[in-house]
C-alpha atoms as a PDB file:
ATOM      1  CA  MET A   1       3.826  -1.210   9.731  1.00  0.00           C
ATOM      2  CA  GLU A   2       0.930  -2.588   9.345  1.00  0.00           C
ATOM      3  CA  ASN A   3       0.124  -3.742   5.989  1.00  0.00           C
ATOM      4  CA  TYR A   4      -1.754  -1.015   4.110  1.00  0.00           C
ATOM      5  CA  TYR A   5      -2.088  -3.326   0.478  1.00  0.00           C
ATOM      6  CA  LEU A   6      -4.898  -4.370   3.821  1.00  0.00           C
ATOM      7  CA  LYS A   7      -6.444  -0.945   3.657  1.00  0.00           C
ATOM      8  CA  ILE A   8      -6.708  -0.648   0.094  1.00  0.00           C
ATOM      9  CA  LYS A   9      -8.944  -4.081  -0.096  1.00  0.00           C
ATOM     10  CA  GLU A  10     -11.583  -2.568   3.165  1.00  0.00           C
ATOM     11  CA  TYR A  11     -11.489   1.235   1.443  1.00  0.00           C
ATOM     12  CA  ARG A  12     -12.862  -1.044  -2.120  1.00  0.00           C
ATOM     13  CA  LEU A  13     -14.656  -2.536  -0.383  1.00  0.00           C
ATOM     14  CA  GLN A  14     -16.876  -0.390   1.431  1.00  0.00           C
ATOM     15  CA  ASN A  15     -17.388   1.502  -1.493  1.00  0.00           C
ATOM     16  CA  ASN A  16     -18.433  -1.314  -3.817  1.00  0.00           C
ATOM     17  CA  HIS A  17     -16.263  -1.223  -5.962  1.00  0.00           C
ATOM     18  CA  SER A  18     -14.660  -4.325  -7.527  1.00  0.00           C
ATOM     19  CA  PRO A  19     -11.060  -5.367  -8.462  1.00  0.00           C
ATOM     20  CA  GLU A  20     -12.011  -4.320 -12.014  1.00  0.00           C
ATOM     21  CA  TYR A  21     -13.902  -1.888 -11.344  1.00  0.00           C
ATOM     22  CA  ILE A  22     -10.595  -0.134  -9.617  1.00  0.00           C
ATOM     23  CA  ALA A  23      -8.299  -1.757 -11.853  1.00  0.00           C
ATOM     24  CA  ILE A  24     -10.263   0.000 -14.955  1.00  0.00           C
ATOM     25  CA  GLN A  25      -9.787   3.629 -13.558  1.00  0.00           C
ATOM     26  CA  MET A  26      -6.569   3.030 -13.000  1.00  0.00           C
ATOM     27  CA  GLU A  27      -5.931   1.747 -16.441  1.00  0.00           C
ATOM     28  CA  ILE A  28      -4.054  -1.346 -15.733  1.00  0.00           C
ATOM     29  CA  SER A  29      -4.735  -5.381 -15.804  1.00  0.00           C
ATOM     30  CA  VAL A  30      -7.146  -6.284 -12.966  1.00  0.00           C
ATOM     31  CA  LYS A  31      -4.184  -9.297 -11.916  1.00  0.00           C
ATOM     32  CA  ASN A  32      -1.684  -6.033 -11.566  1.00  0.00           C
ATOM     33  CA  TYR A  33      -4.588  -4.798  -9.037  1.00  0.00           C
ATOM     34  CA  GLU A  34      -5.173  -8.169  -7.113  1.00  0.00           C
ATOM     35  CA  ASN A  35      -1.502  -8.521  -6.970  1.00  0.00           C
ATOM     36  CA  ILE A  36      -0.968  -4.261  -5.030  1.00  0.00           C
ATOM     37  CA  GLU A  37      -4.389  -5.686  -2.605  1.00  0.00           C
ATOM     38  CA  LYS A  38      -2.088  -8.531  -2.229  1.00  0.00           C
ATOM     39  CA  GLY A  39       1.441  -7.225  -1.248  1.00  0.00           C
ATOM     40  CA  ILE A  40       2.976  -8.592  -4.269  1.00  0.00           C
ATOM     41  CA  VAL A  41       3.283  -5.627  -5.994  1.00  0.00           C
ATOM     42  CA  ASP A  42       4.797  -3.059  -4.840  1.00  0.00           C
ATOM     43  CA  LEU A  43       2.423  -0.079  -5.289  1.00  0.00           C
ATOM     44  CA  LYS A  44       4.451   3.495  -6.826  1.00  0.00           C
ATOM     45  CA  LEU A  45       3.465   6.724  -5.793  1.00  0.00           C
ATOM     46  CA  SER A  46       1.545   7.508  -8.838  1.00  0.00           C
ATOM     47  CA  LYS A  47      -0.521   5.036  -8.802  1.00  0.00           C
ATOM     48  CA  LEU A  48      -1.157   5.422  -4.425  1.00  0.00           C
ATOM     49  CA  ASP A  49      -2.341   9.404  -6.155  1.00  0.00           C
ATOM     50  CA  ARG A  50      -4.657   7.696  -8.324  1.00  0.00           C
ATOM     51  CA  LEU A  51      -5.894   4.876  -6.306  1.00  0.00           C
ATOM     52  CA  VAL A  52      -7.064   7.177  -3.614  1.00  0.00           C
ATOM     53  CA  LYS A  53      -9.076   9.461  -5.781  1.00  0.00           C
ATOM     54  CA  ILE A  54     -11.134   6.892  -6.939  1.00  0.00           C
ATOM     55  CA  LEU A  55     -11.828   5.236  -2.915  1.00  0.00           C
ATOM     56  CA  GLY A  56     -12.502   8.813  -2.286  1.00  0.00           C
ATOM     57  CA  ILE A  57     -10.254   9.255   0.694  1.00  0.00           C
ATOM     58  CA  LYS A  58      -6.747  10.498   1.630  1.00  0.00           C
ATOM     59  CA  LYS A  59      -3.234   9.129   1.446  1.00  0.00           C
ATOM     60  CA  SER A  60      -2.511   9.586   5.576  1.00  0.00           C
ATOM     61  CA  GLU A  61      -5.821   7.244   5.723  1.00  0.00           C
ATOM     62  CA  VAL A  62      -4.010   4.114   4.473  1.00  0.00           C
ATOM     63  CA  PHE A  63      -0.913   3.947   6.628  1.00  0.00           C
ATOM     64  CA  LYS A  64      -2.762   5.547   9.011  1.00  0.00           C
ATOM     65  CA  LEU A  65      -1.669   3.054  12.244  1.00  0.00           C
ATOM     66  CA  ASP A  66      -5.575   1.659  14.103  1.00  0.00           C
ATOM     67  CA  TYR A  67      -4.225   0.632  17.733  1.00  0.00           C
END
């Protein structure tokens, strides 16, 4: 399976959001958010819902395969 954590970071960068901004919006620590982007911490479904809303994307875009 493709590393969807990298896609989360890509979408964050495309939207010109800092990790700090996303962490505040998600009500988590910056360290915890950075660990999500690194794939160290699993992203719970409730947090994924909040994250895609902040990024303005659909969940399916995070898991879409790039060929």
